Protein backbone atom coordinates (compact mmCIF):
# COMPACT_ATOMS: atom_id res chain seq x y z
CA MET A 1 -147.58 -71.03 -53.96
CA ASN A 2 -148.18 -68.66 -56.89
CA ASN A 3 -144.96 -67.02 -58.13
CA GLN A 4 -146.65 -63.61 -57.97
CA ASN A 5 -147.07 -64.04 -54.22
CA GLU A 6 -143.98 -66.04 -53.43
CA LEU A 7 -142.69 -65.38 -49.94
CA PHE A 8 -138.95 -65.21 -49.52
CA ILE A 9 -137.76 -65.39 -45.93
CA ALA A 10 -134.02 -64.95 -45.50
CA LYS A 11 -132.87 -66.67 -42.36
CA GLY A 12 -129.81 -68.13 -40.80
CA CYS A 13 -126.29 -67.39 -39.80
CA CYS A 14 -124.19 -64.79 -41.64
CA THR A 15 -121.10 -66.97 -41.95
CA ALA A 16 -120.10 -67.87 -45.47
CA LYS A 17 -119.21 -71.41 -44.51
CA LYS A 18 -122.83 -72.52 -44.25
CA ASN A 19 -124.96 -72.76 -47.34
CA LEU A 20 -128.46 -71.32 -47.69
CA SER A 21 -130.31 -74.57 -47.28
CA GLU A 22 -128.51 -75.31 -44.01
CA LYS A 23 -129.39 -71.84 -42.73
CA ALA A 24 -133.06 -72.16 -43.66
CA SER A 25 -133.27 -75.51 -41.90
CA GLN A 26 -131.48 -74.19 -38.85
CA SER A 27 -133.81 -71.17 -38.69
CA LYS A 28 -136.89 -73.36 -38.55
CA ASP A 29 -135.41 -75.27 -35.66
CA GLU A 30 -134.62 -72.03 -33.83
CA GLY A 31 -138.09 -70.55 -34.13
CA ARG A 32 -137.86 -68.78 -37.47
CA GLU A 33 -135.29 -66.20 -36.45
CA LEU A 34 -135.63 -63.46 -39.07
CA PRO A 35 -132.87 -61.30 -40.49
CA VAL A 36 -132.38 -57.55 -40.36
CA ALA A 37 -133.35 -56.00 -43.69
CA ILE A 38 -131.12 -53.23 -45.05
CA ILE A 39 -132.45 -51.07 -47.87
CA GLY A 40 -129.73 -49.67 -50.13
CA ALA A 41 -126.24 -51.01 -50.90
CA GLY A 42 -124.43 -47.69 -50.82
CA PRO A 43 -121.57 -46.91 -48.40
CA VAL A 44 -123.82 -46.73 -45.32
CA GLY A 45 -125.96 -49.75 -46.20
CA LEU A 46 -122.88 -51.88 -46.81
CA ALA A 47 -121.35 -50.63 -43.56
CA ALA A 48 -124.51 -51.76 -41.77
CA ALA A 49 -124.07 -55.21 -43.34
CA ALA A 50 -120.44 -55.32 -42.23
CA HIS A 51 -121.30 -54.45 -38.63
CA LEU A 52 -124.16 -56.94 -38.46
CA SER A 53 -121.99 -59.67 -39.99
CA SER A 54 -119.19 -58.93 -37.53
CA ARG A 55 -121.68 -59.43 -34.70
CA GLY A 56 -123.05 -62.68 -36.10
CA GLN A 57 -126.42 -61.17 -37.00
CA SER A 58 -128.27 -62.37 -40.08
CA PHE A 59 -129.30 -59.78 -42.65
CA ILE A 60 -130.52 -59.24 -46.17
CA LEU A 61 -129.45 -56.26 -48.27
CA LEU A 62 -131.85 -55.01 -50.94
CA GLU A 63 -130.41 -52.84 -53.73
CA SER A 64 -132.38 -51.45 -56.67
CA GLY A 65 -129.29 -51.07 -58.88
CA GLU A 66 -127.29 -53.63 -60.79
CA GLN A 67 -124.38 -53.40 -58.35
CA ALA A 68 -123.40 -51.97 -55.00
CA GLY A 69 -122.84 -48.23 -55.10
CA ALA A 70 -124.96 -47.83 -58.23
CA ASN A 71 -125.94 -44.24 -57.41
CA ILE A 72 -122.32 -43.24 -56.88
CA LYS A 73 -121.43 -44.55 -60.34
CA SER A 74 -123.62 -41.79 -61.78
CA TRP A 75 -121.21 -39.20 -60.39
CA GLY A 76 -118.11 -41.33 -60.66
CA HIS A 77 -116.15 -38.55 -62.41
CA ILE A 78 -116.33 -36.32 -59.32
CA ARG A 79 -113.46 -36.30 -56.83
CA LEU A 80 -114.41 -36.23 -53.15
CA PHE A 81 -112.87 -33.54 -50.98
CA SER A 82 -112.60 -35.89 -47.98
CA PRO A 83 -109.65 -38.35 -48.05
CA TRP A 84 -110.00 -42.12 -47.95
CA ARG A 85 -109.57 -42.23 -44.15
CA TYR A 86 -113.01 -40.67 -43.68
CA ASN A 87 -114.71 -42.76 -46.37
CA ILE A 88 -113.95 -46.27 -45.10
CA ASP A 89 -115.99 -47.89 -42.35
CA LYS A 90 -113.90 -49.61 -39.66
CA ALA A 91 -115.86 -52.88 -39.54
CA ALA A 92 -115.84 -53.03 -43.33
CA ALA A 93 -112.08 -52.45 -43.37
CA ARG A 94 -111.53 -55.32 -40.93
CA LEU A 95 -113.55 -57.73 -43.05
CA LEU A 96 -111.81 -56.61 -46.23
CA SER A 97 -108.33 -56.88 -44.73
CA ALA A 98 -109.07 -60.39 -43.50
CA ASN A 99 -109.77 -61.30 -47.13
CA GLY A 100 -106.54 -59.85 -48.55
CA TRP A 101 -107.75 -56.35 -49.46
CA VAL A 102 -105.04 -53.72 -49.94
CA GLN A 103 -106.07 -50.48 -48.26
CA PRO A 104 -105.83 -47.30 -50.38
CA GLN A 105 -103.47 -44.50 -49.43
CA LEU A 106 -105.50 -42.94 -46.62
CA GLU A 107 -104.71 -39.30 -47.41
CA ALA A 108 -105.54 -39.60 -51.11
CA LEU A 109 -108.80 -38.19 -52.46
CA PRO A 110 -110.89 -40.79 -54.32
CA THR A 111 -113.28 -40.13 -57.17
CA GLY A 112 -116.75 -41.63 -56.98
CA GLU A 113 -115.62 -44.29 -59.45
CA GLU A 114 -112.62 -45.16 -57.28
CA LEU A 115 -114.80 -45.33 -54.17
CA VAL A 116 -116.95 -47.95 -55.89
CA GLU A 117 -114.20 -49.94 -57.58
CA HIS A 118 -111.65 -50.02 -54.74
CA TYR A 119 -113.97 -50.18 -51.73
CA LEU A 120 -117.69 -50.79 -52.26
CA LYS A 121 -117.40 -53.45 -54.95
CA PRO A 122 -114.79 -55.54 -53.06
CA LEU A 123 -116.86 -55.17 -49.88
CA SER A 124 -120.03 -56.35 -51.60
CA ARG A 125 -118.20 -59.43 -52.92
CA LEU A 126 -116.95 -60.68 -49.54
CA PRO A 127 -118.25 -64.14 -48.60
CA GLU A 128 -119.74 -62.62 -45.44
CA ILE A 129 -121.90 -60.23 -47.49
CA LYS A 130 -122.35 -61.35 -51.11
CA PRO A 131 -124.79 -64.27 -50.46
CA PHE A 132 -127.21 -61.89 -48.76
CA ILE A 133 -127.33 -59.06 -51.32
CA HIS A 134 -130.35 -58.94 -53.62
CA LEU A 135 -129.51 -56.73 -56.61
CA ASN A 136 -132.03 -55.29 -59.09
CA THR A 137 -134.49 -55.33 -56.20
CA LYS A 138 -136.59 -52.20 -55.90
CA VAL A 139 -138.40 -51.85 -52.59
CA LEU A 140 -141.99 -50.81 -53.17
CA SER A 141 -143.24 -50.58 -49.59
CA VAL A 142 -142.57 -51.78 -46.06
CA GLY A 143 -145.17 -52.67 -43.43
CA ARG A 144 -145.96 -55.02 -40.58
CA LYS A 145 -147.23 -58.46 -41.57
CA ASP A 146 -151.04 -58.43 -41.83
CA THR A 147 -151.05 -55.24 -39.75
CA ASP A 148 -151.71 -51.73 -41.01
CA LYS A 149 -150.49 -48.49 -39.43
CA MET A 150 -153.61 -48.15 -37.27
CA LYS A 151 -153.25 -51.49 -35.46
CA THR A 152 -151.39 -51.45 -32.14
CA ALA A 153 -152.04 -54.84 -30.54
CA ASN A 154 -148.93 -57.07 -30.64
CA ARG A 155 -147.40 -54.71 -33.20
CA GLU A 156 -143.87 -54.87 -31.84
CA ASN A 157 -143.84 -58.67 -32.08
CA THR A 158 -145.10 -58.73 -35.66
CA PRO A 159 -142.43 -59.10 -38.38
CA PHE A 160 -141.86 -56.51 -41.05
CA VAL A 161 -142.88 -57.40 -44.60
CA ILE A 162 -140.99 -55.78 -47.46
CA HIS A 163 -142.72 -55.69 -50.84
CA ALA A 164 -140.28 -55.48 -53.74
CA GLU A 165 -139.85 -55.98 -57.45
CA GLN A 166 -136.85 -57.99 -58.60
CA ASN A 167 -136.20 -58.12 -62.34
CA GLY A 168 -139.89 -57.52 -62.99
CA GLU A 169 -141.09 -60.16 -60.53
CA TYR A 170 -143.01 -59.30 -57.35
CA LYS A 171 -141.47 -60.64 -54.15
CA THR A 172 -141.84 -60.20 -50.42
CA TYR A 173 -139.29 -60.55 -47.63
CA GLU A 174 -139.78 -60.75 -43.87
CA SER A 175 -137.44 -59.25 -41.30
CA LYS A 176 -137.20 -58.53 -37.59
CA ALA A 177 -135.82 -55.01 -38.17
CA VAL A 178 -135.44 -52.55 -41.03
CA ILE A 179 -132.50 -50.21 -41.66
CA ASP A 180 -133.48 -47.74 -44.37
CA ALA A 181 -130.23 -46.56 -45.96
CA ALA A 182 -131.81 -45.75 -49.32
CA GLY A 183 -130.39 -42.22 -49.36
CA ILE A 184 -131.84 -39.23 -51.21
CA TRP A 185 -129.98 -39.39 -54.52
CA GLY A 186 -132.25 -39.28 -57.54
CA ASN A 187 -134.91 -37.21 -55.79
CA PRO A 188 -133.68 -33.64 -56.47
CA ASN A 189 -135.11 -30.33 -55.38
CA PRO A 190 -136.38 -28.05 -58.17
CA ALA A 191 -134.69 -24.83 -59.26
CA SER A 192 -137.50 -22.67 -57.91
CA SER A 193 -136.81 -20.96 -54.59
CA SER A 194 -140.21 -22.02 -53.30
CA GLY A 195 -139.11 -25.67 -53.44
CA ILE A 196 -142.24 -26.52 -55.42
CA TRP A 197 -142.09 -28.49 -58.64
CA LEU A 198 -143.92 -26.45 -61.28
CA ALA A 199 -145.13 -27.88 -64.58
CA GLU A 200 -143.02 -25.46 -66.65
CA GLU A 201 -139.76 -26.67 -65.11
CA GLN A 202 -140.73 -30.31 -65.53
CA GLN A 203 -141.47 -29.69 -69.22
CA LEU A 204 -137.92 -28.41 -69.74
CA LYS A 205 -136.15 -31.42 -68.25
CA GLU A 206 -134.32 -32.20 -71.51
CA LYS A 207 -132.49 -28.87 -71.04
CA ILE A 208 -131.96 -29.21 -67.29
CA PHE A 209 -129.48 -31.50 -65.54
CA TYR A 210 -130.02 -32.16 -61.82
CA GLY A 211 -126.63 -33.06 -60.35
CA ILE A 212 -123.10 -32.77 -61.71
CA PRO A 213 -122.83 -33.78 -65.38
CA ASP A 214 -119.61 -35.14 -66.85
CA ILE A 215 -118.86 -31.78 -68.49
CA LEU A 216 -115.31 -32.58 -69.53
CA GLY A 217 -116.18 -36.09 -70.68
CA SER A 218 -119.33 -37.62 -72.09
CA GLU A 219 -121.39 -34.40 -71.83
CA GLN A 220 -118.81 -32.04 -73.33
CA GLN A 221 -120.66 -31.48 -76.62
CA ARG A 222 -123.85 -30.59 -74.74
CA TYR A 223 -122.25 -27.62 -72.99
CA ARG A 224 -119.49 -26.21 -75.17
CA ASN A 225 -120.07 -22.68 -76.50
CA LYS A 226 -123.45 -22.56 -74.76
CA ARG A 227 -124.93 -20.11 -72.25
CA ILE A 228 -125.28 -22.17 -69.09
CA ALA A 229 -126.91 -21.29 -65.78
CA VAL A 230 -125.71 -23.19 -62.72
CA VAL A 231 -128.22 -22.91 -59.87
CA GLY A 232 -127.10 -23.54 -56.29
CA GLY A 233 -124.62 -22.26 -53.74
CA GLY A 234 -122.96 -25.44 -52.47
CA HIS A 235 -119.96 -27.49 -53.46
CA SER A 236 -121.83 -29.51 -56.06
CA ALA A 237 -122.56 -26.29 -57.93
CA ILE A 238 -118.94 -25.17 -57.52
CA ASN A 239 -117.69 -28.46 -58.98
CA ALA A 240 -119.90 -27.95 -62.04
CA LEU A 241 -118.71 -24.35 -62.40
CA LEU A 242 -115.05 -25.34 -62.25
CA ASP A 243 -115.57 -27.93 -64.98
CA LEU A 244 -117.40 -25.38 -67.13
CA ALA A 245 -114.54 -22.92 -66.65
CA ALA A 246 -112.10 -25.61 -67.81
CA LEU A 247 -114.32 -26.22 -70.84
CA LYS A 248 -114.37 -22.48 -71.57
CA GLU A 249 -110.58 -22.52 -72.00
CA SER A 250 -111.04 -24.64 -75.15
CA TYR A 251 -114.42 -23.21 -76.15
CA PRO A 252 -114.25 -19.50 -75.25
CA GLU A 253 -117.83 -18.71 -76.29
CA THR A 254 -119.08 -20.74 -73.34
CA ASP A 255 -120.96 -18.31 -71.09
CA ILE A 256 -121.29 -19.26 -67.41
CA LEU A 257 -123.90 -17.85 -65.03
CA TRP A 258 -123.93 -18.75 -61.34
CA ILE A 259 -127.34 -18.20 -59.74
CA MET A 260 -127.77 -18.30 -55.96
CA ARG A 261 -130.10 -17.17 -53.23
CA ARG A 262 -127.24 -16.14 -50.96
CA ASN A 263 -127.09 -12.51 -49.92
CA GLN A 264 -123.56 -12.16 -51.26
CA VAL A 265 -121.30 -14.36 -53.35
CA GLU A 266 -118.55 -14.37 -50.70
CA ASP A 267 -120.78 -16.54 -48.51
CA ALA A 268 -120.31 -19.41 -50.98
CA TYR A 269 -116.50 -19.44 -50.83
CA GLY A 270 -116.39 -21.16 -47.44
CA GLY A 271 -113.28 -21.33 -45.29
CA GLU A 272 -110.84 -21.45 -48.26
CA GLU A 273 -107.34 -21.83 -46.84
CA ARG A 274 -108.77 -22.15 -43.29
CA ASP A 275 -110.82 -25.27 -44.10
CA ALA A 276 -109.67 -28.39 -42.24
CA LEU A 277 -110.38 -30.38 -45.42
CA GLU A 278 -107.79 -28.89 -47.76
CA ALA A 279 -109.44 -30.04 -51.00
CA ARG A 280 -112.73 -28.42 -50.03
CA GLY A 281 -110.94 -25.20 -49.17
CA ARG A 282 -109.32 -25.18 -52.60
CA LEU A 283 -112.74 -25.36 -54.25
CA GLY A 284 -113.72 -22.11 -52.56
CA SER A 285 -110.47 -20.42 -53.51
CA ARG A 286 -110.69 -21.47 -57.16
CA ILE A 287 -114.28 -20.32 -57.65
CA HIS A 288 -113.41 -17.07 -55.85
CA GLN A 289 -110.71 -16.43 -58.45
CA LEU A 290 -112.99 -17.31 -61.39
CA VAL A 291 -115.65 -14.87 -60.22
CA ASP A 292 -113.09 -12.12 -59.62
CA ASN A 293 -111.61 -12.43 -63.11
CA GLY A 294 -115.01 -12.51 -64.80
CA GLN A 295 -114.95 -16.06 -66.14
CA VAL A 296 -118.01 -16.86 -64.04
CA MET A 297 -120.77 -14.28 -63.62
CA ALA A 298 -122.33 -14.58 -60.15
CA ILE A 299 -125.92 -13.41 -59.91
CA THR A 300 -127.02 -13.24 -56.28
CA PRO A 301 -129.33 -12.96 -54.51
CA PHE A 302 -131.66 -14.19 -57.25
CA ARG A 303 -134.75 -16.10 -56.21
CA ILE A 304 -136.24 -18.12 -59.05
CA GLN A 305 -140.03 -18.07 -59.16
CA LEU A 306 -140.58 -19.60 -62.58
CA VAL A 307 -138.58 -21.53 -65.17
CA LYS A 308 -140.14 -21.27 -68.62
CA LYS A 309 -139.36 -21.79 -72.28
CA SER A 310 -138.84 -18.66 -74.36
CA GLU A 311 -138.04 -17.85 -77.99
CA THR A 312 -134.34 -17.59 -77.11
CA GLY A 313 -134.07 -20.60 -74.82
CA ILE A 314 -134.85 -20.82 -71.12
CA GLU A 315 -136.09 -17.80 -69.19
CA LEU A 316 -135.79 -17.51 -65.42
CA ILE A 317 -138.29 -15.21 -63.79
CA GLY A 318 -137.76 -14.16 -60.22
CA SER A 319 -136.69 -11.40 -57.87
CA GLN A 320 -133.33 -9.81 -57.22
CA ASN A 321 -132.86 -7.60 -54.20
CA GLY A 322 -136.63 -7.51 -53.80
CA LYS A 323 -137.32 -6.37 -57.36
CA HIS A 324 -138.83 -8.29 -60.28
CA SER A 325 -136.09 -9.63 -62.56
CA SER A 326 -135.63 -12.12 -65.39
CA LEU A 327 -132.79 -13.86 -67.17
CA ASP A 328 -133.31 -15.06 -70.74
CA GLY A 329 -131.40 -16.73 -73.54
CA ILE A 330 -130.14 -19.61 -71.40
CA ASP A 331 -129.30 -22.74 -73.41
CA GLU A 332 -128.78 -25.21 -70.57
CA MET A 333 -129.30 -25.35 -66.81
CA ILE A 334 -127.44 -27.35 -64.19
CA VAL A 335 -129.39 -27.46 -60.95
CA ASN A 336 -127.61 -28.21 -57.68
CA THR A 337 -130.19 -27.28 -55.07
CA GLY A 338 -129.87 -30.50 -53.14
CA SER A 339 -132.21 -33.44 -52.75
CA ARG A 340 -135.08 -34.44 -50.53
CA PRO A 341 -136.02 -37.77 -48.93
CA ASP A 342 -138.78 -40.01 -50.24
CA PHE A 343 -140.67 -41.63 -47.38
CA SER A 344 -143.31 -43.26 -49.55
CA ILE A 345 -141.93 -46.78 -49.09
CA ILE A 346 -142.33 -46.55 -45.30
CA SER A 347 -145.60 -44.61 -45.28
CA GLU A 348 -147.44 -47.55 -43.68
CA LEU A 349 -145.07 -47.51 -40.71
CA ARG A 350 -145.13 -45.17 -37.74
CA THR A 351 -142.45 -42.54 -38.15
CA SER A 352 -141.42 -39.29 -36.52
CA ILE A 353 -140.08 -36.84 -39.11
CA ASP A 354 -139.28 -33.17 -38.52
CA SER A 355 -141.61 -30.91 -40.46
CA SER A 356 -138.95 -28.48 -41.70
CA THR A 357 -135.75 -30.46 -42.27
CA GLU A 358 -137.60 -33.71 -43.10
CA SER A 359 -134.95 -35.43 -41.02
CA VAL A 360 -135.42 -37.97 -38.25
CA ASP A 361 -137.22 -35.85 -35.69
CA ALA A 362 -134.70 -36.20 -32.86
CA LEU A 363 -131.87 -35.16 -35.21
CA ALA A 364 -133.47 -31.90 -36.32
CA PRO A 365 -132.14 -29.65 -33.52
CA LEU A 366 -128.68 -31.22 -33.96
CA ILE A 367 -128.37 -30.73 -37.73
CA ASP A 368 -130.57 -27.75 -38.65
CA PRO A 369 -128.43 -25.86 -41.22
CA ASN A 370 -129.85 -22.57 -39.95
CA ILE A 371 -127.91 -23.26 -36.74
CA HIS A 372 -125.22 -25.85 -37.49
CA SER A 373 -122.41 -26.34 -39.95
CA CYS A 374 -120.85 -29.76 -40.55
CA GLY A 375 -118.37 -29.48 -37.71
CA THR A 376 -120.89 -28.43 -35.08
CA VAL A 377 -123.15 -31.47 -35.52
CA ARG A 378 -122.92 -33.59 -32.38
CA PRO A 379 -122.25 -37.30 -32.99
CA HIS A 380 -125.34 -39.42 -32.55
CA GLY A 381 -126.45 -43.01 -32.80
CA GLU A 382 -129.22 -45.51 -32.20
CA LYS A 383 -130.96 -43.54 -29.47
CA GLU A 384 -131.51 -40.47 -31.65
CA LEU A 385 -132.45 -42.58 -34.67
CA ARG A 386 -135.24 -44.56 -32.98
CA GLN A 387 -138.65 -44.35 -34.58
CA PRO A 388 -142.08 -44.90 -32.99
CA GLU A 389 -142.05 -48.10 -35.07
CA LYS A 390 -139.83 -50.39 -33.00
CA ASN A 391 -136.74 -51.67 -34.85
CA LEU A 392 -137.16 -49.27 -37.78
CA TYR A 393 -134.16 -47.03 -38.39
CA ILE A 394 -133.63 -44.37 -41.05
CA VAL A 395 -129.89 -43.86 -41.48
CA GLY A 396 -127.37 -42.15 -43.73
CA SER A 397 -128.20 -39.07 -45.77
CA LYS A 398 -131.91 -39.94 -45.63
CA SER A 399 -131.84 -39.50 -41.85
CA TYR A 400 -130.75 -35.88 -42.39
CA GLY A 401 -133.65 -35.14 -44.75
CA ARG A 402 -132.98 -31.88 -46.57
CA ALA A 403 -130.16 -30.77 -44.26
CA PRO A 404 -126.84 -30.60 -46.14
CA THR A 405 -124.59 -31.27 -43.14
CA PHE A 406 -124.28 -35.05 -43.58
CA LEU A 407 -120.86 -36.70 -43.76
CA MET A 408 -120.24 -40.30 -44.81
CA ALA A 409 -118.36 -41.04 -41.60
CA THR A 410 -121.42 -39.89 -39.64
CA GLY A 411 -123.47 -42.58 -41.39
CA TYR A 412 -120.89 -45.20 -40.47
CA GLU A 413 -121.18 -44.22 -36.81
CA GLN A 414 -124.97 -44.40 -37.04
CA VAL A 415 -125.04 -47.98 -38.29
CA ARG A 416 -122.29 -49.09 -35.90
CA SER A 417 -124.51 -47.97 -33.03
CA VAL A 418 -127.70 -49.45 -34.53
CA ALA A 419 -126.03 -52.81 -35.22
CA ALA A 420 -124.74 -52.92 -31.65
CA TYR A 421 -128.21 -52.23 -30.27
CA LEU A 422 -129.92 -54.83 -32.46
CA SER A 423 -127.30 -57.33 -31.26
CA GLY A 424 -128.08 -56.60 -27.61
CA ASP A 425 -124.84 -54.72 -26.93
CA PHE A 426 -126.48 -51.64 -25.44
CA ALA A 427 -123.27 -50.28 -23.91
CA ALA A 428 -121.57 -50.20 -27.33
CA ALA A 429 -124.67 -48.62 -28.86
CA GLU A 430 -124.42 -45.69 -26.44
CA LYS A 431 -120.70 -45.07 -27.01
CA VAL A 432 -119.47 -42.43 -29.44
CA GLU A 433 -116.69 -43.59 -31.75
CA LEU A 434 -116.73 -40.83 -34.37
CA ASP A 435 -113.45 -39.06 -35.21
CA LEU A 436 -113.77 -36.17 -37.67
CA PRO A 437 -111.74 -33.08 -38.55
CA GLU A 438 -113.07 -29.72 -37.44
CA THR A 439 -115.28 -28.80 -40.37
CA GLY A 440 -117.13 -25.81 -38.98
CA VAL A 441 -115.05 -23.54 -41.21
CA CYS A 442 -116.97 -24.85 -44.19
CA SER A 443 -118.88 -21.59 -44.01
CA VAL A 444 -117.57 -18.11 -43.29
CA ASN A 445 -120.91 -16.75 -42.13
CA LEU A 446 -122.94 -19.62 -40.72
CA LYS A 447 -126.31 -17.92 -40.88
CA SER A 448 -126.00 -16.49 -44.37
CA SER A 449 -124.34 -19.57 -45.82
CA CYS A 450 -127.21 -21.67 -44.55
CA ASP A 451 -129.89 -19.44 -46.01
CA GLU A 452 -129.80 -21.98 -48.82
CA PRO A 453 -130.37 -25.21 -46.87
CA ALA A 454 -130.72 -27.33 -50.00
CA SER A 455 -127.10 -26.67 -51.01
CA SER A 456 -124.40 -28.74 -49.44
CA CYS A 457 -121.24 -27.56 -47.73
CA CYS A 458 -120.37 -30.95 -46.38
CA ASN A 459 -120.92 -33.84 -48.78
């Protein structure tokens, strides 16, 4: 067979004691039992692998990066505000512990780097998981074998085919089910309040950072003694602002603008001392103090209509309190307006996606940030995640679309339920095993704090 069209079919038992050739041979004898394909080796994708392995289900895990947790490495300098106890999947912990893993102090707050090094990397290297991970494998599209979206006859009995590129080589994989845990990182929303990417903003990308740069580390020279606009009203924006304020202590000419759509700045402070997650509450209290003492200038409500280059830097044109307004002379922008899902890889499959949140359709009324905060989202599982395409599941942050109310532990519960269902344990799939702190105090005024649905109060 031509290498450009080589067909890779991962089959067999998940136990590490049997080699790949034995599994392939066994699969043929058992009627070509296909694996479950998991897209994305982040926390939720790896948790799915752990649950499937624990249930004796075969799987393949496709990851576009060079290692597990590759996206998290890009914000490794950021400390999570949820402690380790809410960031470790139970099935993953059992597998790790059986292989001599030492559990972190459960009340400590890990950085992104620590989450990868002390949890995701060891998990990905377990003998139950490592043989089935395909790194540097970018999924291009997923469909049914020899069957386009329009064809219905025998569709449910037709295997999925995953088209991918691995180290520059085209490959395909077959599977009996697909768990899309690709997440939404790397697909940011623009700065404009309309949510539309305009050419002017795209032309200024060398002056705009989407996410949380390493302000006190590798990116320090870029921001010191500059006039910087941070756009967004969630905790990602607050983290960037706090780092800029620390930079300003050494470089006092650093000028910090905080631009939001919120009706009043107080809506961004959250529960502060009333927040069940203490570290998140401290973020609100610290930014509150910085605004009050003038170190950070909050400009809200300001709705950006256009980002353009001017003679003095970047100019933001928009409206403030219903009147035309502009801000000029900005050297750098940091945009934290959230991210959006990319469904292009599953466009040839039958999906049901909510038109406003871009979440899994059945989740929309449960997670709509105009109605819910993190703590009021009802736990959910396989039943709510079902798609019209049988055995296709969108999980993790991608399942929430643009809604900012996703928590890592919620993703773990999702894949626990899905793995149980795919294993035939329907009773376990219907059970709810999610234990979270009350997080509804992440916003003081639920309606006003969720006027800016692209900004996160929960991640």
